[in-house]
Amino acid sequence: MPATVRFDAITNDCFTFEGGSLSHTITQKAYNGFDIRYRPKAASQDKFLLTFSTLNNVYEQHKVMLVGTGYEESVTFEGLPDEAEDELNIGDCVIGKAKAVTFMLANNGDSHVKFRWN
């Protein structure tokens, strides 16, 4: 017998329940994925207690704490291979042959930044 799950509305501006409807029917022995997006508005930690319940069953109420941390960096690396955030992995290379990797540096600040590569 399928069960209908109802999520309570998210009232925190930094978290968004993706996919529109807050009510979903889940079939027996099935898994369903749900997307929640975190978009911080300041460099801080945001929390929200998400509750959801199974309709017509007062004993089935669950709570999940959503926690997200917003931070701000003046300079960030973007487009690193394998979607890495802080590591430039060039991968396997044939001896004697050069291999190039492309990435970008983004200046997120309000002033110029000078780089010096060793």
N, C-alpha and C. Protein backbone atom coordinates (compact mmCIF):
# COMPACT_ATOMS: atom_id res chain seq x y z
N MET A 1 0.84 -1.17 0.00
CA MET A 1 0.00 0.00 0.00
C MET A 1 0.90 1.24 0.00
N PRO A 2 0.72 2.14 -0.93
CA PRO A 2 1.54 3.35 -0.98
C PRO A 2 1.23 4.27 0.20
N ALA A 3 2.24 5.04 0.59
CA ALA A 3 2.09 6.01 1.68
C ALA A 3 2.30 7.41 1.12
N THR A 4 1.57 8.35 1.67
CA THR A 4 1.72 9.74 1.26
C THR A 4 2.44 10.50 2.37
N VAL A 5 3.53 11.15 1.98
CA VAL A 5 4.35 11.91 2.91
C VAL A 5 4.10 13.39 2.67
N ARG A 6 3.94 14.12 3.76
CA ARG A 6 3.69 15.57 3.67
C ARG A 6 4.79 16.30 4.43
N PHE A 7 5.51 17.18 3.70
CA PHE A 7 6.54 18.01 4.31
C PHE A 7 5.91 19.33 4.75
N ASP A 8 6.30 19.80 5.93
CA ASP A 8 5.87 21.13 6.36
C ASP A 8 6.61 22.18 5.54
N ALA A 9 6.01 23.31 5.35
CA ALA A 9 6.62 24.38 4.55
C ALA A 9 7.90 24.87 5.22
N ILE A 10 8.90 25.18 4.41
CA ILE A 10 10.15 25.74 4.92
C ILE A 10 9.98 27.25 5.04
N THR A 11 10.17 27.75 6.25
CA THR A 11 9.97 29.18 6.49
C THR A 11 11.28 29.94 6.62
N ASN A 12 12.40 29.30 6.35
CA ASN A 12 13.71 29.95 6.38
C ASN A 12 14.05 30.37 4.95
N ASP A 13 14.40 31.64 4.74
CA ASP A 13 14.67 32.16 3.40
C ASP A 13 15.88 31.53 2.72
N CYS A 14 16.78 30.91 3.48
CA CYS A 14 17.99 30.35 2.91
C CYS A 14 17.80 28.93 2.38
N PHE A 15 16.75 28.23 2.81
CA PHE A 15 16.49 26.87 2.36
C PHE A 15 15.24 26.85 1.49
N THR A 16 15.30 26.05 0.42
CA THR A 16 14.18 25.93 -0.50
C THR A 16 13.95 24.46 -0.81
N PHE A 17 12.69 24.04 -0.73
CA PHE A 17 12.33 22.67 -1.11
C PHE A 17 12.11 22.68 -2.61
N GLU A 18 12.96 21.97 -3.35
CA GLU A 18 12.87 21.94 -4.80
C GLU A 18 11.80 20.94 -5.25
N GLY A 19 11.19 21.20 -6.36
CA GLY A 19 10.23 20.25 -6.92
C GLY A 19 8.79 20.63 -6.70
N GLY A 20 8.54 21.74 -6.06
CA GLY A 20 7.16 22.24 -5.94
C GLY A 20 6.35 21.64 -4.82
N SER A 21 5.70 20.53 -5.07
CA SER A 21 4.73 19.97 -4.14
C SER A 21 5.38 19.50 -2.85
N LEU A 22 4.70 19.75 -1.73
CA LEU A 22 5.18 19.30 -0.43
C LEU A 22 4.60 17.95 -0.04
N SER A 23 3.75 17.39 -0.89
CA SER A 23 3.12 16.11 -0.64
C SER A 23 3.55 15.12 -1.72
N HIS A 24 4.03 13.94 -1.31
CA HIS A 24 4.53 12.94 -2.25
C HIS A 24 4.03 11.56 -1.86
N THR A 25 3.67 10.77 -2.86
CA THR A 25 3.26 9.39 -2.62
C THR A 25 4.45 8.48 -2.91
N ILE A 26 4.74 7.61 -1.94
CA ILE A 26 5.86 6.69 -2.05
C ILE A 26 5.31 5.27 -2.06
N THR A 27 5.67 4.52 -3.09
CA THR A 27 5.17 3.15 -3.19
C THR A 27 5.96 2.23 -2.27
N GLN A 28 5.42 1.06 -2.03
CA GLN A 28 5.99 0.09 -1.11
C GLN A 28 7.41 -0.30 -1.52
N LYS A 29 8.33 -0.32 -0.55
CA LYS A 29 9.74 -0.71 -0.72
C LYS A 29 10.46 0.12 -1.78
N ALA A 30 10.06 1.35 -1.94
CA ALA A 30 10.69 2.24 -2.91
C ALA A 30 11.45 3.35 -2.20
N TYR A 31 12.41 3.93 -2.89
CA TYR A 31 13.16 5.07 -2.39
C TYR A 31 12.84 6.28 -3.24
N ASN A 32 12.67 7.42 -2.59
CA ASN A 32 12.45 8.68 -3.30
C ASN A 32 13.48 9.69 -2.82
N GLY A 33 14.02 10.43 -3.76
CA GLY A 33 14.96 11.49 -3.42
C GLY A 33 14.26 12.83 -3.43
N PHE A 34 14.70 13.71 -2.55
CA PHE A 34 14.14 15.06 -2.45
C PHE A 34 15.29 16.05 -2.42
N ASP A 35 15.14 17.15 -3.12
CA ASP A 35 16.20 18.16 -3.19
C ASP A 35 15.84 19.38 -2.36
N ILE A 36 16.76 19.75 -1.51
CA ILE A 36 16.63 20.98 -0.74
C ILE A 36 17.85 21.83 -1.07
N ARG A 37 17.60 23.05 -1.50
CA ARG A 37 18.67 23.96 -1.91
C ARG A 37 18.97 24.94 -0.78
N TYR A 38 20.27 25.15 -0.56
CA TYR A 38 20.71 26.13 0.44
C TYR A 38 21.39 27.28 -0.28
N ARG A 39 20.88 28.48 -0.09
CA ARG A 39 21.45 29.67 -0.69
C ARG A 39 21.63 30.71 0.42
N PRO A 40 22.84 30.80 1.00
CA PRO A 40 23.06 31.72 2.13
C PRO A 40 22.98 33.17 1.69
N LYS A 41 22.55 34.00 2.61
CA LYS A 41 22.46 35.44 2.35
C LYS A 41 23.57 36.21 3.07
N ALA A 42 24.30 35.53 3.96
CA ALA A 42 25.39 36.16 4.70
C ALA A 42 26.37 35.08 5.12
N ALA A 43 27.55 35.51 5.54
CA ALA A 43 28.55 34.57 6.06
C ALA A 43 28.14 34.18 7.47
N SER A 44 27.39 33.10 7.58
CA SER A 44 26.90 32.64 8.87
C SER A 44 26.39 31.21 8.74
N GLN A 45 26.00 30.64 9.86
CA GLN A 45 25.41 29.30 9.84
C GLN A 45 23.90 29.43 9.98
N ASP A 46 23.16 28.74 9.11
CA ASP A 46 21.70 28.76 9.15
C ASP A 46 21.21 27.37 9.49
N LYS A 47 20.13 27.33 10.28
CA LYS A 47 19.53 26.06 10.68
C LYS A 47 18.03 26.13 10.50
N PHE A 48 17.44 24.99 10.17
CA PHE A 48 15.99 24.90 10.10
C PHE A 48 15.59 23.46 10.39
N LEU A 49 14.60 23.27 11.25
CA LEU A 49 14.10 21.95 11.59
C LEU A 49 12.97 21.59 10.62
N LEU A 50 13.27 20.68 9.70
CA LEU A 50 12.29 20.24 8.72
C LEU A 50 11.50 19.08 9.30
N THR A 51 10.19 19.18 9.26
CA THR A 51 9.34 18.09 9.75
C THR A 51 8.51 17.54 8.60
N PHE A 52 8.30 16.24 8.64
CA PHE A 52 7.43 15.61 7.65
C PHE A 52 6.73 14.43 8.32
N SER A 53 5.58 14.12 7.80
CA SER A 53 4.77 13.06 8.41
C SER A 53 4.08 12.25 7.33
N THR A 54 3.67 11.04 7.74
CA THR A 54 2.89 10.17 6.87
C THR A 54 1.42 10.48 7.11
N LEU A 55 0.70 10.79 6.05
CA LEU A 55 -0.71 11.13 6.20
C LEU A 55 -1.49 9.94 6.76
N ASN A 56 -2.48 10.25 7.59
CA ASN A 56 -3.35 9.26 8.21
C ASN A 56 -2.63 8.35 9.19
N ASN A 57 -1.46 8.78 9.70
CA ASN A 57 -0.75 8.01 10.71
C ASN A 57 -0.09 9.00 11.67
N VAL A 58 -0.74 9.25 12.79
CA VAL A 58 -0.25 10.26 13.75
C VAL A 58 1.07 9.86 14.40
N TYR A 59 1.45 8.59 14.30
CA TYR A 59 2.68 8.12 14.92
C TYR A 59 3.90 8.25 14.00
N GLU A 60 3.70 8.62 12.78
CA GLU A 60 4.78 8.74 11.81
C GLU A 60 5.11 10.21 11.54
N GLN A 61 5.83 10.82 12.45
CA GLN A 61 6.31 12.19 12.23
C GLN A 61 7.83 12.19 12.42
N HIS A 62 8.53 12.77 11.48
CA HIS A 62 9.99 12.78 11.50
C HIS A 62 10.49 14.21 11.45
N LYS A 63 11.68 14.41 12.02
CA LYS A 63 12.30 15.72 12.03
C LYS A 63 13.75 15.58 11.58
N VAL A 64 14.16 16.49 10.70
CA VAL A 64 15.53 16.52 10.20
C VAL A 64 16.04 17.95 10.33
N MET A 65 17.21 18.10 10.95
CA MET A 65 17.79 19.43 11.10
C MET A 65 18.61 19.76 9.84
N LEU A 66 18.21 20.82 9.15
CA LEU A 66 18.97 21.30 8.00
C LEU A 66 19.98 22.32 8.51
N VAL A 67 21.24 22.14 8.14
CA VAL A 67 22.29 23.05 8.58
C VAL A 67 23.12 23.43 7.37
N GLY A 68 23.33 24.70 7.16
CA GLY A 68 24.17 25.19 6.07
C GLY A 68 25.05 26.31 6.58
N THR A 69 26.26 26.38 6.07
CA THR A 69 27.19 27.43 6.47
C THR A 69 27.57 28.25 5.24
N GLY A 70 27.27 29.52 5.28
CA GLY A 70 27.65 30.43 4.21
C GLY A 70 28.99 31.06 4.54
N TYR A 71 29.85 31.14 3.55
CA TYR A 71 31.15 31.76 3.75
C TYR A 71 31.48 32.63 2.55
N GLU A 72 32.46 33.47 2.75
CA GLU A 72 32.85 34.39 1.69
C GLU A 72 34.36 34.35 1.53
N GLU A 73 34.81 34.16 0.31
CA GLU A 73 36.24 34.15 0.01
C GLU A 73 36.53 35.22 -1.04
N SER A 74 37.64 35.89 -0.88
CA SER A 74 38.00 36.94 -1.83
C SER A 74 38.33 36.35 -3.19
N VAL A 75 39.05 35.23 -3.19
CA VAL A 75 39.47 34.60 -4.44
C VAL A 75 39.08 33.13 -4.38
N THR A 76 38.49 32.64 -5.46
CA THR A 76 38.11 31.23 -5.52
C THR A 76 38.61 30.61 -6.82
N PHE A 77 38.93 29.33 -6.75
CA PHE A 77 39.27 28.55 -7.93
C PHE A 77 37.97 28.00 -8.49
N GLU A 78 37.82 28.03 -9.79
CA GLU A 78 36.63 27.50 -10.44
C GLU A 78 37.04 26.66 -11.63
N GLY A 79 36.26 25.65 -11.93
CA GLY A 79 36.52 24.80 -13.08
C GLY A 79 37.66 23.82 -12.88
N LEU A 80 37.99 23.49 -11.62
CA LEU A 80 39.03 22.49 -11.38
C LEU A 80 38.55 21.12 -11.84
N PRO A 81 39.45 20.27 -12.33
CA PRO A 81 39.05 18.94 -12.78
C PRO A 81 38.35 18.14 -11.68
N ASP A 82 37.43 17.29 -12.06
CA ASP A 82 36.68 16.43 -11.14
C ASP A 82 35.88 17.23 -10.12
N GLU A 83 35.54 18.47 -10.46
CA GLU A 83 34.76 19.34 -9.59
C GLU A 83 35.37 19.51 -8.20
N ALA A 84 36.70 19.42 -8.11
CA ALA A 84 37.39 19.61 -6.84
C ALA A 84 37.29 21.07 -6.43
N GLU A 85 37.39 21.33 -5.14
CA GLU A 85 37.30 22.70 -4.64
C GLU A 85 38.65 23.29 -4.29
N ASP A 86 39.61 22.44 -3.90
CA ASP A 86 40.88 22.97 -3.42
C ASP A 86 42.09 22.12 -3.84
N GLU A 87 41.93 21.39 -4.94
CA GLU A 87 43.02 20.53 -5.38
C GLU A 87 43.05 20.48 -6.90
N LEU A 88 44.22 20.71 -7.45
CA LEU A 88 44.40 20.63 -8.90
C LEU A 88 45.02 19.27 -9.21
N ASN A 89 44.18 18.32 -9.60
CA ASN A 89 44.63 16.97 -9.92
C ASN A 89 44.81 16.86 -11.43
N ILE A 90 46.05 16.77 -11.87
CA ILE A 90 46.35 16.71 -13.29
C ILE A 90 46.12 15.31 -13.85
N GLY A 91 46.19 14.30 -13.02
CA GLY A 91 45.93 12.94 -13.46
C GLY A 91 47.16 12.26 -14.04
N ASP A 92 46.94 11.14 -14.70
CA ASP A 92 48.04 10.37 -15.29
C ASP A 92 48.68 11.13 -16.44
N CYS A 93 50.01 11.08 -16.49
CA CYS A 93 50.75 11.76 -17.55
C CYS A 93 51.79 10.82 -18.13
N VAL A 94 51.96 10.85 -19.43
CA VAL A 94 52.99 10.07 -20.10
C VAL A 94 54.32 10.78 -19.88
N ILE A 95 55.34 10.00 -19.51
CA ILE A 95 56.66 10.58 -19.24
C ILE A 95 57.20 11.24 -20.51
N GLY A 96 57.66 12.46 -20.34
CA GLY A 96 58.24 13.20 -21.46
C GLY A 96 57.23 14.02 -22.25
N LYS A 97 55.93 13.92 -21.93
CA LYS A 97 54.92 14.70 -22.64
C LYS A 97 54.20 15.60 -21.65
N ALA A 98 53.99 16.83 -22.07
CA ALA A 98 53.30 17.80 -21.21
C ALA A 98 51.79 17.59 -21.27
N LYS A 99 51.15 17.90 -20.19
CA LYS A 99 49.69 17.82 -20.13
C LYS A 99 49.19 19.11 -19.48
N ALA A 100 48.22 19.76 -20.12
CA ALA A 100 47.71 21.03 -19.62
C ALA A 100 46.34 20.83 -18.98
N VAL A 101 46.08 21.61 -17.94
CA VAL A 101 44.78 21.62 -17.27
C VAL A 101 44.34 23.07 -17.17
N THR A 102 43.10 23.32 -17.51
CA THR A 102 42.58 24.69 -17.50
C THR A 102 41.68 24.88 -16.28
N PHE A 103 41.83 26.01 -15.62
CA PHE A 103 40.97 26.39 -14.51
C PHE A 103 40.88 27.91 -14.48
N MET A 104 40.03 28.43 -13.64
CA MET A 104 39.85 29.89 -13.54
C MET A 104 40.01 30.34 -12.10
N LEU A 105 40.45 31.57 -11.94
CA LEU A 105 40.46 32.23 -10.64
C LEU A 105 39.42 33.33 -10.69
N ALA A 106 38.59 33.40 -9.69
CA ALA A 106 37.55 34.44 -9.64
C ALA A 106 37.84 35.37 -8.47
N ASN A 107 37.85 36.65 -8.74
CA ASN A 107 38.01 37.66 -7.69
C ASN A 107 36.61 38.08 -7.26
N ASN A 108 36.21 37.67 -6.08
CA ASN A 108 34.88 37.98 -5.56
C ASN A 108 34.86 39.25 -4.71
N GLY A 109 36.02 39.85 -4.51
CA GLY A 109 36.12 41.03 -3.66
C GLY A 109 35.87 42.33 -4.41
N ASP A 110 36.06 43.41 -3.68
CA ASP A 110 35.83 44.74 -4.23
C ASP A 110 37.10 45.44 -4.67
N SER A 111 38.25 44.78 -4.53
CA SER A 111 39.51 45.43 -4.91
C SER A 111 40.34 44.48 -5.78
N HIS A 112 41.36 45.03 -6.40
CA HIS A 112 42.25 44.24 -7.26
C HIS A 112 43.08 43.28 -6.41
N VAL A 113 43.44 42.16 -7.00
CA VAL A 113 44.27 41.16 -6.32
C VAL A 113 45.45 40.87 -7.22
N LYS A 114 46.65 40.81 -6.63
CA LYS A 114 47.86 40.51 -7.38
C LYS A 114 48.31 39.09 -7.02
N PHE A 115 48.59 38.28 -8.06
CA PHE A 115 49.03 36.90 -7.85
C PHE A 115 50.50 36.79 -8.26
N ARG A 116 51.19 35.92 -7.57
CA ARG A 116 52.57 35.62 -7.90
C ARG A 116 52.73 34.10 -7.81
N TRP A 117 53.02 33.49 -8.96
CA TRP A 117 53.18 32.04 -9.01
C TRP A 117 54.66 31.71 -8.86
N ASN A 118 54.98 30.80 -7.99
CA ASN A 118 56.38 30.36 -7.78
C ASN A 118 56.74 29.32 -8.81
